[in-house]
Amino acid sequence: MTTKKKSAVDWDVLIGMYKQMCSFRRFEERVGLAYTKQKFSGFCHLHIGQEGLAVGVQTALRDTDYMISGYRSHTQAIGKGIEAGQVMAELFGKVDGACRGKGGSMHMFSKQHRFLGGHGIVGGQAPLAVGVGFAIRYRNEDNIIVCYMGDAATNQGQVFEVMNMAATWDLPVLFIIENNKYGMGTDITRTTSVDALWKRALAFDMGHSDVDGMDSMAVLDHVTSLVETMRKDKKPHLLEALTYRYRGHSVSDPGTYRTKEEVEDYQKNRDAILHLGQHLVDNKMATADDLKAWDNEAKEKAKEAEAFADASPQPAVEELWDHVLAP
């Protein structure tokens, strides 16, 4: 067994983060493979490359905190507590899915785990997040809501409207911009006049910051500090996380708008999993064999999730009219 060593963050927390990043990566790779096998169809947006941000943020939260996101949310849903098999089954349109197979890739949801969706409308999650922030204040809860959105979503008018509401009413909404540089296939620098997206908060006198989303430890430290403050002052914050996706915008995107060298540079030199793994080894928290074993474990878990989804039955025809209207 490896030697324990003191660090700014407890060693078992870092090991847990490493394992979770591996599980996210292998799960999404399995999803991409299942799509090519035509086990499901429709839109599918993979999170490969952005694991460091998802894991760092999740580790900083409480189970009682809320989370809402866009359509690139499979692993965020798993991090919030939905079982990987349920997420895979939802992708496959099976009854054991998080939404009984009726939501699909873009619409994961769990009331139990306070994961309030994946949403397919760009920026559509932001007004809902502010509504939840209002509910938190109204009920005097000691929670926050994390609202993930892509860089291109910050150009949507509704996002500006509700950030103004959150700032005016002092609502505990942590808006996180997953700036992976490309809104679909367009470089963000071609669609916005500002050189940093956190500057959007200046219009509302809102707290703002940025973080290296490819460094899971930096994300954990920064978000932990943010949420501690937000629980006290109940004010919103806009965080720009600089991250990168290795795959296309969706599984049908060949990614010809960027060079192969650019992608390889991120994979070899800035990958969040490699970065944290090297930190664990350098600080004698793990060995190279440990890292390999944890990665193999993640691969097996991804296979088990797919097997669970394969075995799950299709929804019965009689369910066609169920869950159409809220009770």
Foldseek 3Di string as FASTA:
>chain_A
DFDADDDPDGLVLLVVLLLLLLLLQLLLVLVLVCVVVVLADDWAFEPAFLSLLLSLLLSLFDQPAAEEEALHCLSNLVSLPDALLQSLLLQNQFCSHQNHVPQHRQFRDDPNSRYHTRHHDALPVQVVQLVVLVVCVVVVHLYAYEYEHEPVSLPDPVNLVSLLVLQVVLGRYEYEYAYQQDDQQHGSVVPDDDPDSQCSCVVNVAAEEEFASLANVRSNVVSNVVSVVCSPRSGYYYYYYHIHHLCGRTSVDRNPSDDPVVSVCCVPPRHSSVVSVVVCCVRRVDHPVRSVVSSVVSNVSSVVSNVSSVPGHRDDPVCPPPPPDDD
